[in-house]
PDB file of N, CA and C in Angstrom:
ATOM      1  N   MET A   1      26.175 -17.448  26.132  1.00  0.00           N
ATOM      2  CA  MET A   1      25.013 -18.380  25.758  1.00  0.00           C
ATOM      3  C   MET A   1      23.841 -17.501  25.690  1.00  0.00           C
ATOM      4  N   LEU A   2      23.098 -17.652  24.613  1.00  0.00           N
ATOM      5  CA  LEU A   2      21.842 -16.944  24.445  1.00  0.00           C
ATOM      6  C   LEU A   2      20.812 -18.007  24.280  1.00  0.00           C
ATOM      7  N   GLY A   3      19.694 -17.900  25.035  1.00  0.00           N
ATOM      8  CA  GLY A   3      18.671 -18.897  24.840  1.00  0.00           C
ATOM      9  C   GLY A   3      17.376 -18.303  25.280  1.00  0.00           C
ATOM     10  N   GLY A   4      16.362 -19.010  24.960  1.00  0.00           N
ATOM     11  CA  GLY A   4      14.965 -18.539  25.319  1.00  0.00           C
ATOM     12  C   GLY A   4      13.956 -18.762  24.153  1.00  0.00           C
ATOM     13  N   THR A   5      12.921 -18.762  24.404  1.00  0.00           N
ATOM     14  CA  THR A   5      11.741 -18.972  23.394  1.00  0.00           C
ATOM     15  C   THR A   5      11.803 -18.006  22.349  1.00  0.00           C
ATOM     16  N   TYR A   6      11.901 -16.791  22.620  1.00  0.00           N
ATOM     17  CA  TYR A   6      12.020 -15.697  21.666  1.00  0.00           C
ATOM     18  C   TYR A   6      13.418 -15.092  21.333  1.00  0.00           C
ATOM     19  N   ALA A   7      14.386 -15.719  21.692  1.00  0.00           N
ATOM     20  CA  ALA A   7      15.722 -15.313  21.323  1.00  0.00           C
ATOM     21  C   ALA A   7      15.985 -15.598  19.857  1.00  0.00           C
ATOM     22  N   GLY A   8      16.903 -14.708  19.351  1.00  0.00           N
ATOM     23  CA  GLY A   8      17.315 -14.784  17.959  1.00  0.00           C
ATOM     24  C   GLY A   8      18.181 -16.197  17.792  1.00  0.00           C
ATOM     25  N   ASN A   9      18.200 -16.615  16.559  1.00  0.00           N
ATOM     26  CA  ASN A   9      19.048 -17.755  16.319  1.00  0.00           C
ATOM     27  C   ASN A   9      19.859 -17.289  14.950  1.00  0.00           C
ATOM     28  N   ALA A  10      20.865 -18.215  14.773  1.00  0.00           N
ATOM     29  CA  ALA A  10      21.598 -17.875  13.706  1.00  0.00           C
ATOM     30  C   ALA A  10      21.014 -17.793  12.247  1.00  0.00           C
ATOM     31  N   LEU A  11      20.109 -18.710  12.047  1.00  0.00           N
ATOM     32  CA  LEU A  11      19.384 -18.638  10.695  1.00  0.00           C
ATOM     33  C   LEU A  11      18.555 -17.430  10.503  1.00  0.00           C
ATOM     34  N   ALA A  12      17.761 -17.063  11.571  1.00  0.00           N
ATOM     35  CA  ALA A  12      16.886 -15.981  11.584  1.00  0.00           C
ATOM     36  C   ALA A  12      17.890 -14.572  11.397  1.00  0.00           C
ATOM     37  N   CYS A  13      18.975 -14.501  12.106  1.00  0.00           N
ATOM     38  CA  CYS A  13      19.895 -13.376  12.056  1.00  0.00           C
ATOM     39  C   CYS A  13      20.345 -13.374  10.609  1.00  0.00           C
ATOM     40  N   ALA A  14      20.810 -14.401   9.996  1.00  0.00           N
ATOM     41  CA  ALA A  14      21.303 -14.423   8.613  1.00  0.00           C
ATOM     42  C   ALA A  14      20.321 -14.010   7.659  1.00  0.00           C
ATOM     43  N   ALA A  15      19.116 -14.322   7.948  1.00  0.00           N
ATOM     44  CA  ALA A  15      17.872 -13.934   6.910  1.00  0.00           C
ATOM     45  C   ALA A  15      17.669 -12.517   7.001  1.00  0.00           C
ATOM     46  N   ALA A  16      17.811 -12.020   8.224  1.00  0.00           N
ATOM     47  CA  ALA A  16      17.708 -10.508   8.496  1.00  0.00           C
ATOM     48  C   ALA A  16      18.737  -9.740   7.862  1.00  0.00           C
ATOM     49  N   VAL A  17      19.948 -10.151   7.988  1.00  0.00           N
ATOM     50  CA  VAL A  17      21.088  -9.560   7.256  1.00  0.00           C
ATOM     51  C   VAL A  17      20.933  -9.600   5.836  1.00  0.00           C
ATOM     52  N   ALA A  18      20.528 -10.630   5.208  1.00  0.00           N
ATOM     53  CA  ALA A  18      20.495 -10.753   3.866  1.00  0.00           C
ATOM     54  C   ALA A  18      19.334  -9.853   3.150  1.00  0.00           C
ATOM     55  N   THR A  19      18.255  -9.849   4.064  1.00  0.00           N
ATOM     56  CA  THR A  19      17.121  -8.929   3.761  1.00  0.00           C
ATOM     57  C   THR A  19      17.565  -7.400   3.750  1.00  0.00           C
ATOM     58  N   GLN A  20      18.275  -6.976   4.703  1.00  0.00           N
ATOM     59  CA  GLN A  20      18.751  -5.658   4.670  1.00  0.00           C
ATOM     60  C   GLN A  20      19.634  -5.273   3.593  1.00  0.00           C
ATOM     61  N   LYS A  21      20.506  -6.378   3.208  1.00  0.00           N
ATOM     62  CA  LYS A  21      21.490  -6.089   2.148  1.00  0.00           C
ATOM     63  C   LYS A  21      20.717  -5.960   0.835  1.00  0.00           C
ATOM     64  N   VAL A  22      19.608  -6.744   0.543  1.00  0.00           N
ATOM     65  CA  VAL A  22      18.871  -6.643  -0.629  1.00  0.00           C
ATOM     66  C   VAL A  22      18.166  -5.260  -0.633  1.00  0.00           C
ATOM     67  N   ILE A  23      17.537  -4.856   0.506  1.00  0.00           N
ATOM     68  CA  ILE A  23      16.825  -3.513   0.574  1.00  0.00           C
ATOM     69  C   ILE A  23      17.867  -2.325   0.074  1.00  0.00           C
ATOM     70  N   HIS A  24      19.094  -2.382   0.700  1.00  0.00           N
ATOM     71  CA  HIS A  24      20.036  -1.403   0.409  1.00  0.00           C
ATOM     72  C   HIS A  24      20.478  -1.523  -1.106  1.00  0.00           C
ATOM     73  N   GLU A  25      20.835  -2.756  -1.456  1.00  0.00           N
ATOM     74  CA  GLU A  25      21.572  -2.822  -2.857  1.00  0.00           C
ATOM     75  C   GLU A  25      20.568  -2.489  -3.996  1.00  0.00           C
ATOM     76  N   GLU A  26      19.288  -2.900  -3.729  1.00  0.00           N
ATOM     77  CA  GLU A  26      18.331  -2.565  -4.823  1.00  0.00           C
ATOM     78  C   GLU A  26      17.633  -1.230  -4.625  1.00  0.00           C
ATOM     79  N   GLY A  27      18.059  -0.351  -3.707  1.00  0.00           N
ATOM     80  CA  GLY A  27      17.432   0.923  -3.441  1.00  0.00           C
ATOM     81  C   GLY A  27      15.960   0.856  -3.222  1.00  0.00           C
ATOM     82  N   LEU A  28      15.485  -0.144  -2.368  1.00  0.00           N
ATOM     83  CA  LEU A  28      13.973  -0.314  -2.266  1.00  0.00           C
ATOM     84  C   LEU A  28      13.482   0.755  -1.431  1.00  0.00           C
ATOM     85  N   VAL A  29      14.263   1.408  -0.527  1.00  0.00           N
ATOM     86  CA  VAL A  29      13.675   2.530   0.219  1.00  0.00           C
ATOM     87  C   VAL A  29      13.413   3.745  -0.691  1.00  0.00           C
ATOM     88  N   GLU A  30      14.429   4.104  -1.423  1.00  0.00           N
ATOM     89  CA  GLU A  30      14.223   5.125  -2.435  1.00  0.00           C
ATOM     90  C   GLU A  30      13.079   4.840  -3.436  1.00  0.00           C
ATOM     91  N   ASN A  31      13.038   3.652  -4.016  1.00  0.00           N
ATOM     92  CA  ASN A  31      11.959   3.251  -4.733  1.00  0.00           C
ATOM     93  C   ASN A  31      10.646   3.367  -4.123  1.00  0.00           C
ATOM     94  N   SER A  32      10.530   3.074  -2.886  1.00  0.00           N
ATOM     95  CA  SER A  32       9.232   3.115  -2.088  1.00  0.00           C
ATOM     96  C   SER A  32       8.944   4.625  -2.109  1.00  0.00           C
ATOM     97  N   GLN A  33       9.756   5.541  -1.908  1.00  0.00           N
ATOM     98  CA  GLN A  33       9.360   6.814  -1.844  1.00  0.00           C
ATOM     99  C   GLN A  33       8.895   7.408  -3.231  1.00  0.00           C
ATOM    100  N   ARG A  34       9.633   7.161  -4.299  1.00  0.00           N
ATOM    101  CA  ARG A  34       9.199   7.528  -5.645  1.00  0.00           C
ATOM    102  C   ARG A  34       7.896   6.993  -6.140  1.00  0.00           C
ATOM    103  N   MET A  35       7.848   5.662  -5.904  1.00  0.00           N
ATOM    104  CA  MET A  35       6.587   4.927  -6.291  1.00  0.00           C
ATOM    105  C   MET A  35       5.360   5.267  -5.494  1.00  0.00           C
ATOM    106  N   GLY A  36       5.654   5.602  -4.247  1.00  0.00           N
ATOM    107  CA  GLY A  36       4.516   5.990  -3.283  1.00  0.00           C
ATOM    108  C   GLY A  36       4.074   7.453  -3.767  1.00  0.00           C
ATOM    109  N   ASP A  37       4.985   8.424  -4.062  1.00  0.00           N
ATOM    110  CA  ASP A  37       4.598   9.595  -4.585  1.00  0.00           C
ATOM    111  C   ASP A  37       3.684   9.476  -5.732  1.00  0.00           C
ATOM    112  N   ARG A  38       4.203   8.533  -6.773  1.00  0.00           N
ATOM    113  CA  ARG A  38       3.417   8.436  -7.938  1.00  0.00           C
ATOM    114  C   ARG A  38       2.155   7.780  -7.922  1.00  0.00           C
ATOM    115  N   LEU A  39       1.945   6.686  -6.843  1.00  0.00           N
ATOM    116  CA  LEU A  39       0.674   6.233  -6.531  1.00  0.00           C
ATOM    117  C   LEU A  39      -0.279   7.140  -5.905  1.00  0.00           C
ATOM    118  N   ARG A  40       0.257   8.041  -4.946  1.00  0.00           N
ATOM    119  CA  ARG A  40      -0.723   9.030  -4.411  1.00  0.00           C
ATOM    120  C   ARG A  40      -1.073   9.986  -5.465  1.00  0.00           C
ATOM    121  N   ASN A  41      -0.144  10.520  -6.279  1.00  0.00           N
ATOM    122  CA  ASN A  41      -0.630  11.398  -7.344  1.00  0.00           C
ATOM    123  C   ASN A  41      -1.555  10.767  -8.204  1.00  0.00           C
ATOM    124  N   ASN A  42      -1.420   9.535  -8.614  1.00  0.00           N
ATOM    125  CA  ASN A  42      -2.435   8.878  -9.591  1.00  0.00           C
ATOM    126  C   ASN A  42      -3.809   8.769  -8.817  1.00  0.00           C
ATOM    127  N   LEU A  43      -3.789   8.494  -7.587  1.00  0.00           N
ATOM    128  CA  LEU A  43      -5.011   8.296  -6.759  1.00  0.00           C
ATOM    129  C   LEU A  43      -5.587   9.751  -6.593  1.00  0.00           C
ATOM    130  N   ARG A  44      -4.772  10.749  -6.444  1.00  0.00           N
ATOM    131  CA  ARG A  44      -5.390  12.023  -6.430  1.00  0.00           C
ATOM    132  C   ARG A  44      -6.027  12.615  -7.541  1.00  0.00           C
ATOM    133  N   SER A  45      -5.473  12.107  -8.846  1.00  0.00           N
ATOM    134  CA  SER A  45      -6.062  12.402 -10.111  1.00  0.00           C
ATOM    135  C   SER A  45      -7.415  11.803 -10.236  1.00  0.00           C
ATOM    136  N   ILE A  46      -7.607  10.587  -9.718  1.00  0.00           N
ATOM    137  CA  ILE A  46      -8.902   9.911  -9.752  1.00  0.00           C
ATOM    138  C   ILE A  46      -9.762  10.704  -8.665  1.00  0.00           C
ATOM    139  N   GLN A  47      -9.393  11.133  -7.505  1.00  0.00           N
ATOM    140  CA  GLN A  47     -10.057  11.852  -6.610  1.00  0.00           C
ATOM    141  C   GLN A  47     -10.671  12.978  -7.262  1.00  0.00           C
ATOM    142  N   GLN A  48      -9.933  13.905  -8.022  1.00  0.00           N
ATOM    143  CA  GLN A  48     -10.335  15.023  -8.713  1.00  0.00           C
ATOM    144  C   GLN A  48     -11.225  14.891  -9.933  1.00  0.00           C
ATOM    145  N   SER A  49     -11.222  13.648 -10.311  1.00  0.00           N
ATOM    146  CA  SER A  49     -11.964  13.262 -11.625  1.00  0.00           C
ATOM    147  C   SER A  49     -13.453  13.010 -11.502  1.00  0.00           C
ATOM    148  N   GLU A  50     -14.199  13.035 -12.512  1.00  0.00           N
ATOM    149  CA  GLU A  50     -15.649  12.666 -12.344  1.00  0.00           C
ATOM    150  C   GLU A  50     -15.812  11.299 -12.032  1.00  0.00           C
ATOM    151  N   VAL A  51     -14.883  10.398 -12.220  1.00  0.00           N
ATOM    152  CA  VAL A  51     -15.032   9.040 -12.025  1.00  0.00           C
ATOM    153  C   VAL A  51     -15.310   8.793 -10.404  1.00  0.00           C
ATOM    154  N   SER A  52     -14.754   9.612  -9.627  1.00  0.00           N
ATOM    155  CA  SER A  52     -14.900   9.342  -8.152  1.00  0.00           C
ATOM    156  C   SER A  52     -16.187   9.836  -7.695  1.00  0.00           C
ATOM    157  N   LYS A  53     -16.943  10.717  -8.450  1.00  0.00           N
ATOM    158  CA  LYS A  53     -18.181  11.252  -8.043  1.00  0.00           C
ATOM    159  C   LYS A  53     -17.986  11.917  -6.644  1.00  0.00           C
ATOM    160  N   GLY A  54     -16.958  12.581  -6.296  1.00  0.00           N
ATOM    161  CA  GLY A  54     -16.775  13.400  -5.165  1.00  0.00           C
ATOM    162  C   GLY A  54     -16.773  12.488  -3.780  1.00  0.00           C
ATOM    163  N   LEU A  55     -16.558  11.171  -3.999  1.00  0.00           N
ATOM    164  CA  LEU A  55     -16.777  10.290  -2.750  1.00  0.00           C
ATOM    165  C   LEU A  55     -15.385  10.137  -2.206  1.00  0.00           C
ATOM    166  N   ILE A  56     -14.275  10.496  -2.703  1.00  0.00           N
ATOM    167  CA  ILE A  56     -12.868  10.322  -2.026  1.00  0.00           C
ATOM    168  C   ILE A  56     -12.610  11.600  -1.271  1.00  0.00           C
ATOM    169  N   ASP A  57     -12.526  11.443   0.164  1.00  0.00           N
ATOM    170  CA  ASP A  57     -12.145  12.499   0.947  1.00  0.00           C
ATOM    171  C   ASP A  57     -10.664  12.915   1.027  1.00  0.00           C
ATOM    172  N   ASP A  58      -9.762  11.828   1.063  1.00  0.00           N
ATOM    173  CA  ASP A  58      -8.481  11.932   1.255  1.00  0.00           C
ATOM    174  C   ASP A  58      -7.621  10.706   0.588  1.00  0.00           C
ATOM    175  N   VAL A  59      -6.521  11.193   0.115  1.00  0.00           N
ATOM    176  CA  VAL A  59      -5.527  10.264  -0.214  1.00  0.00           C
ATOM    177  C   VAL A  59      -4.255  10.451   0.455  1.00  0.00           C
ATOM    178  N   ARG A  60      -3.722   9.611   1.261  1.00  0.00           N
ATOM    179  CA  ARG A  60      -2.691   9.809   2.314  1.00  0.00           C
ATOM    180  C   ARG A  60      -1.827   8.550   2.382  1.00  0.00           C
ATOM    181  N   GLY A  61      -0.586   8.824   2.815  1.00  0.00           N
ATOM    182  CA  GLY A  61       0.278   7.717   3.036  1.00  0.00           C
ATOM    183  C   GLY A  61       1.705   8.058   3.242  1.00  0.00           C
ATOM    184  N   LEU A  62       2.559   7.053   3.504  1.00  0.00           N
ATOM    185  CA  LEU A  62       4.025   7.301   3.602  1.00  0.00           C
ATOM    186  C   LEU A  62       4.684   6.143   2.816  1.00  0.00           C
ATOM    187  N   GLY A  63       5.497   6.495   1.888  1.00  0.00           N
ATOM    188  CA  GLY A  63       6.087   5.541   1.095  1.00  0.00           C
ATOM    189  C   GLY A  63       5.154   4.778   0.248  1.00  0.00           C
ATOM    190  N   LEU A  64       5.084   3.516   0.342  1.00  0.00           N
ATOM    191  CA  LEU A  64       4.097   2.760  -0.568  1.00  0.00           C
ATOM    192  C   LEU A  64       2.995   2.316   0.302  1.00  0.00           C
ATOM    193  N   MET A  65       2.866   2.704   1.469  1.00  0.00           N
ATOM    194  CA  MET A  65       1.609   2.463   2.244  1.00  0.00           C
ATOM    195  C   MET A  65       0.550   3.620   2.049  1.00  0.00           C
ATOM    196  N   VAL A  66      -0.405   3.502   1.219  1.00  0.00           N
ATOM    197  CA  VAL A  66      -1.232   4.610   0.870  1.00  0.00           C
ATOM    198  C   VAL A  66      -2.651   4.222   1.117  1.00  0.00           C
ATOM    199  N   GLY A  67      -3.359   5.124   1.701  1.00  0.00           N
ATOM    200  CA  GLY A  67      -4.781   4.958   1.941  1.00  0.00           C
ATOM    201  C   GLY A  67      -5.729   5.913   1.305  1.00  0.00           C
ATOM    202  N   VAL A  68      -6.838   5.392   0.853  1.00  0.00           N
ATOM    203  CA  VAL A  68      -7.880   6.305   0.190  1.00  0.00           C
ATOM    204  C   VAL A  68      -9.066   6.124   1.029  1.00  0.00           C
ATOM    205  N   GLU A  69      -9.450   7.321   1.619  1.00  0.00           N
ATOM    206  CA  GLU A  69     -10.565   7.408   2.532  1.00  0.00           C
ATOM    207  C   GLU A  69     -11.765   7.970   1.856  1.00  0.00           C
ATOM    208  N   PHE A  70     -12.875   7.171   1.952  1.00  0.00           N
ATOM    209  CA  PHE A  70     -14.125   7.665   1.352  1.00  0.00           C
ATOM    210  C   PHE A  70     -14.922   8.496   2.295  1.00  0.00           C
ATOM    211  N   ASN A  71     -15.837   9.519   1.776  1.00  0.00           N
ATOM    212  CA  ASN A  71     -16.471  10.502   2.669  1.00  0.00           C
ATOM    213  C   ASN A  71     -17.701   9.712   3.284  1.00  0.00           C
ATOM    214  N   LYS A  72     -18.347  10.408   4.167  1.00  0.00           N
ATOM    215  CA  LYS A  72     -19.538   9.957   4.917  1.00  0.00           C
ATOM    216  C   LYS A  72     -20.820   9.739   3.888  1.00  0.00           C
ATOM    217  N   GLU A  73     -20.710  10.426   2.745  1.00  0.00           N
ATOM    218  CA  GLU A  73     -21.788  10.327   1.796  1.00  0.00           C
ATOM    219  C   GLU A  73     -21.761   9.018   1.004  1.00  0.00           C
ATOM    220  N   ALA A  74     -20.645   8.336   1.070  1.00  0.00           N
ATOM    221  CA  ALA A  74     -20.552   7.177   0.331  1.00  0.00           C
ATOM    222  C   ALA A  74     -21.503   6.134   0.825  1.00  0.00           C
ATOM    223  N   GLU A  75     -21.887   5.270  -0.012  1.00  0.00           N
ATOM    224  CA  GLU A  75     -22.800   4.265   0.410  1.00  0.00           C
ATOM    225  C   GLU A  75     -22.311   3.281   1.463  1.00  0.00           C
ATOM    226  N   PRO A  76     -23.164   2.721   2.233  1.00  0.00           N
ATOM    227  CA  PRO A  76     -22.709   1.824   3.328  1.00  0.00           C
ATOM    228  C   PRO A  76     -22.016   0.709   2.656  1.00  0.00           C
ATOM    229  N   GLY A  77     -20.872   0.184   3.117  1.00  0.00           N
ATOM    230  CA  GLY A  77     -20.111  -0.983   2.591  1.00  0.00           C
ATOM    231  C   GLY A  77     -19.424  -0.608   1.463  1.00  0.00           C
ATOM    232  N   ILE A  78     -18.987   0.639   1.302  1.00  0.00           N
ATOM    233  CA  ILE A  78     -18.223   1.096  -0.008  1.00  0.00           C
ATOM    234  C   ILE A  78     -16.859   0.427   0.145  1.00  0.00           C
ATOM    235  N   LYS A  79     -16.238   0.317   1.278  1.00  0.00           N
ATOM    236  CA  LYS A  79     -14.892  -0.287   1.517  1.00  0.00           C
ATOM    237  C   LYS A  79     -14.840  -1.797   0.911  1.00  0.00           C
ATOM    238  N   THR A  80     -15.911  -2.384   1.273  1.00  0.00           N
ATOM    239  CA  THR A  80     -16.009  -3.896   0.960  1.00  0.00           C
ATOM    240  C   THR A  80     -16.297  -3.904  -0.611  1.00  0.00           C
ATOM    241  N   LYS A  81     -17.127  -3.023  -1.217  1.00  0.00           N
ATOM    242  CA  LYS A  81     -17.385  -3.043  -2.541  1.00  0.00           C
ATOM    243  C   LYS A  81     -16.215  -2.731  -3.471  1.00  0.00           C
ATOM    244  N   ILE A  82     -15.502  -1.765  -2.968  1.00  0.00           N
ATOM    245  CA  ILE A  82     -14.310  -1.294  -3.707  1.00  0.00           C
ATOM    246  C   ILE A  82     -13.259  -2.443  -3.588  1.00  0.00           C
ATOM    247  N   SER A  83     -13.124  -2.977  -2.446  1.00  0.00           N
ATOM    248  CA  SER A  83     -11.996  -4.151  -2.330  1.00  0.00           C
ATOM    249  C   SER A  83     -12.456  -5.179  -3.205  1.00  0.00           C
ATOM    250  N   GLN A  84     -13.703  -5.631  -3.230  1.00  0.00           N
ATOM    251  CA  GLN A  84     -14.142  -6.732  -4.119  1.00  0.00           C
ATOM    252  C   GLN A  84     -13.957  -6.473  -5.575  1.00  0.00           C
ATOM    253  N   ALA A  85     -14.246  -5.219  -5.994  1.00  0.00           N
ATOM    254  CA  ALA A  85     -14.074  -4.820  -7.409  1.00  0.00           C
ATOM    255  C   ALA A  85     -12.546  -4.834  -7.775  1.00  0.00           C
ATOM    256  N   CYS A  86     -11.754  -4.515  -6.831  1.00  0.00           N
ATOM    257  CA  CYS A  86     -10.277  -4.619  -7.083  1.00  0.00           C
ATOM    258  C   CYS A  86      -9.808  -5.934  -7.177  1.00  0.00           C
ATOM    259  N   VAL A  87     -10.285  -6.897  -6.370  1.00  0.00           N
ATOM    260  CA  VAL A  87      -9.975  -8.318  -6.341  1.00  0.00           C
ATOM    261  C   VAL A  87     -10.402  -8.778  -7.900  1.00  0.00           C
ATOM    262  N   ASP A  88     -11.695  -8.341  -8.267  1.00  0.00           N
ATOM    263  CA  ASP A  88     -12.236  -8.831  -9.590  1.00  0.00           C
ATOM    264  C   ASP A  88     -11.270  -8.412 -10.759  1.00  0.00           C
ATOM    265  N   GLU A  89     -10.442  -7.391 -10.471  1.00  0.00           N
ATOM    266  CA  GLU A  89      -9.631  -6.867 -11.517  1.00  0.00           C
ATOM    267  C   GLU A  89      -8.101  -7.325 -11.379  1.00  0.00           C
ATOM    268  N   GLY A  90      -8.001  -8.271 -10.264  1.00  0.00           N
ATOM    269  CA  GLY A  90      -6.636  -8.930 -10.061  1.00  0.00           C
ATOM    270  C   GLY A  90      -5.769  -7.933  -9.209  1.00  0.00           C
ATOM    271  N   LEU A  91      -6.293  -7.034  -8.396  1.00  0.00           N
ATOM    272  CA  LEU A  91      -5.604  -6.178  -7.466  1.00  0.00           C
ATOM    273  C   LEU A  91      -6.046  -6.451  -5.996  1.00  0.00           C
ATOM    274  N   LEU A  92      -5.098  -6.804  -5.163  1.00  0.00           N
ATOM    275  CA  LEU A  92      -5.422  -6.893  -3.876  1.00  0.00           C
ATOM    276  C   LEU A  92      -5.427  -5.712  -3.057  1.00  0.00           C
ATOM    277  N   VAL A  93      -6.368  -5.280  -2.327  1.00  0.00           N
ATOM    278  CA  VAL A  93      -6.217  -4.025  -1.348  1.00  0.00           C
ATOM    279  C   VAL A  93      -6.802  -4.487  -0.110  1.00  0.00           C
ATOM    280  N   LEU A  94      -6.595  -3.630   0.988  1.00  0.00           N
ATOM    281  CA  LEU A  94      -6.961  -4.023   2.303  1.00  0.00           C
ATOM    282  C   LEU A  94      -7.737  -2.965   2.871  1.00  0.00           C
ATOM    283  N   GLY A  95      -8.976  -3.257   3.287  1.00  0.00           N
ATOM    284  CA  GLY A  95      -9.839  -2.454   3.884  1.00  0.00           C
ATOM    285  C   GLY A  95      -9.262  -2.263   5.376  1.00  0.00           C
ATOM    286  N   CYS A  96      -9.211  -1.146   5.939  1.00  0.00           N
ATOM    287  CA  CYS A  96      -8.624  -0.941   7.205  1.00  0.00           C
ATOM    288  C   CYS A  96      -9.323   0.059   8.139  1.00  0.00           C
ATOM    289  N   SER A  97      -9.161  -0.042   9.412  1.00  0.00           N
ATOM    290  CA  SER A  97      -9.776   0.755  10.416  1.00  0.00           C
ATOM    291  C   SER A  97     -11.252   0.683  10.398  1.00  0.00           C
ATOM    292  N   THR A  98     -11.908   1.419  11.319  1.00  0.00           N
ATOM    293  CA  THR A  98     -13.293   1.644  11.383  1.00  0.00           C
ATOM    294  C   THR A  98     -13.830   2.623  10.424  1.00  0.00           C
ATOM    295  N   TYR A  99     -12.966   3.288   9.760  1.00  0.00           N
ATOM    296  CA  TYR A  99     -13.380   4.391   8.753  1.00  0.00           C
ATOM    297  C   TYR A  99     -13.356   3.665   7.313  1.00  0.00           C
ATOM    298  N   ASN A 100     -13.844   4.484   6.435  1.00  0.00           N
ATOM    299  CA  ASN A 100     -14.023   3.952   4.955  1.00  0.00           C
ATOM    300  C   ASN A 100     -12.754   4.192   4.225  1.00  0.00           C
ATOM    301  N   VAL A 101     -11.751   3.431   4.622  1.00  0.00           N
ATOM    302  CA  VAL A 101     -10.440   3.519   4.066  1.00  0.00           C
ATOM    303  C   VAL A 101     -10.014   2.183   3.459  1.00  0.00           C
ATOM    304  N   VAL A 102      -9.471   2.288   2.180  1.00  0.00           N
ATOM    305  CA  VAL A 102      -8.857   1.261   1.459  1.00  0.00           C
ATOM    306  C   VAL A 102      -7.395   1.490   1.430  1.00  0.00           C
ATOM    307  N   ARG A 103      -6.634   0.443   1.755  1.00  0.00           N
ATOM    308  CA  ARG A 103      -5.136   0.725   1.861  1.00  0.00           C
ATOM    309  C   ARG A 103      -4.434  -0.047   0.666  1.00  0.00           C
ATOM    310  N   PHE A 104      -3.535   0.509   0.028  1.00  0.00           N
ATOM    311  CA  PHE A 104      -2.740  -0.102  -1.092  1.00  0.00           C
ATOM    312  C   PHE A 104      -1.366  -0.267  -0.385  1.00  0.00           C
ATOM    313  N   VAL A 105      -0.878  -1.435  -0.383  1.00  0.00           N
ATOM    314  CA  VAL A 105       0.499  -1.776   0.207  1.00  0.00           C
ATOM    315  C   VAL A 105       1.268  -2.562  -0.829  1.00  0.00           C
ATOM    316  N   PRO A 106       1.716  -2.036  -1.964  1.00  0.00           N
ATOM    317  CA  PRO A 106       2.476  -2.854  -2.967  1.00  0.00           C
ATOM    318  C   PRO A 106       3.878  -3.303  -2.456  1.00  0.00           C
ATOM    319  N   ALA A 107       4.373  -4.197  -3.305  1.00  0.00           N
ATOM    320  CA  ALA A 107       5.781  -4.575  -2.982  1.00  0.00           C
ATOM    321  C   ALA A 107       6.802  -3.486  -3.111  1.00  0.00           C
ATOM    322  N   LEU A 108       7.779  -3.414  -2.393  1.00  0.00           N
ATOM    323  CA  LEU A 108       8.759  -2.340  -2.329  1.00  0.00           C
ATOM    324  C   LEU A 108       9.601  -2.150  -3.788  1.00  0.00           C
ATOM    325  N   ASN A 109       9.525  -3.318  -4.615  1.00  0.00           N
ATOM    326  CA  ASN A 109      10.222  -3.231  -5.903  1.00  0.00           C
ATOM    327  C   ASN A 109       9.244  -3.041  -7.035  1.00  0.00           C
ATOM    328  N   ILE A 110       8.120  -2.459  -6.708  1.00  0.00           N
ATOM    329  CA  ILE A 110       7.077  -2.207  -7.856  1.00  0.00           C
ATOM    330  C   ILE A 110       7.681  -1.128  -8.757  1.00  0.00           C
ATOM    331  N   THR A 111       7.244  -1.327 -10.005  1.00  0.00           N
ATOM    332  CA  THR A 111       7.650  -0.405 -11.126  1.00  0.00           C
ATOM    333  C   THR A 111       6.645   0.643 -11.363  1.00  0.00           C
ATOM    334  N   LYS A 112       7.148   1.740 -12.053  1.00  0.00           N
ATOM    335  CA  LYS A 112       6.119   2.741 -12.394  1.00  0.00           C
ATOM    336  C   LYS A 112       5.139   2.164 -13.301  1.00  0.00           C
ATOM    337  N   GLU A 113       5.418   1.305 -14.222  1.00  0.00           N
ATOM    338  CA  GLU A 113       4.361   0.643 -15.082  1.00  0.00           C
ATOM    339  C   GLU A 113       3.184  -0.081 -14.348  1.00  0.00           C
ATOM    340  N   ASP A 114       3.782  -0.705 -13.144  1.00  0.00           N
ATOM    341  CA  ASP A 114       2.703  -1.430 -12.331  1.00  0.00           C
ATOM    342  C   ASP A 114       1.855  -0.321 -11.663  1.00  0.00           C
ATOM    343  N   ILE A 115       2.595   0.658 -11.134  1.00  0.00           N
ATOM    344  CA  ILE A 115       1.794   1.755 -10.416  1.00  0.00           C
ATOM    345  C   ILE A 115       0.798   2.356 -11.341  1.00  0.00           C
ATOM    346  N   ASP A 116       1.213   2.591 -12.623  1.00  0.00           N
ATOM    347  CA  ASP A 116       0.263   3.191 -13.557  1.00  0.00           C
ATOM    348  C   ASP A 116      -0.882   2.294 -13.909  1.00  0.00           C
ATOM    349  N   ASP A 117      -0.604   1.017 -13.812  1.00  0.00           N
ATOM    350  CA  ASP A 117      -1.697   0.170 -14.163  1.00  0.00           C
ATOM    351  C   ASP A 117      -2.791   0.182 -12.974  1.00  0.00           C
ATOM    352  N   VAL A 118      -2.452   0.386 -11.863  1.00  0.00           N
ATOM    353  CA  VAL A 118      -3.322   0.489 -10.761  1.00  0.00           C
ATOM    354  C   VAL A 118      -4.450   1.434 -11.092  1.00  0.00           C
TER     355      VAL A 118
END
């Protein structure tokens, strides 16, 4: 007998198994690595371009969780302004931490076309 408020149940376990099966069958871990590399490379190209005006200090991440950190010379509230500009263009990003970091966390099945559209 297994019981308790936080104990697993048959439905939750079946959902977890089905999720793991999809992740494996669709190669989502490998896609996350490839598309994460592509996203970081695209963002580093922006970092090195005139468009960024030298305000991006770092582009970092693991898989598809990617952060863009703006430097101390960036105007106050840059994280909020960038996030809102992204929303205005149909892209949801997440401001995170006490630093000027905007985080990208796309779906594991994102395509290269979608990454390049960012």
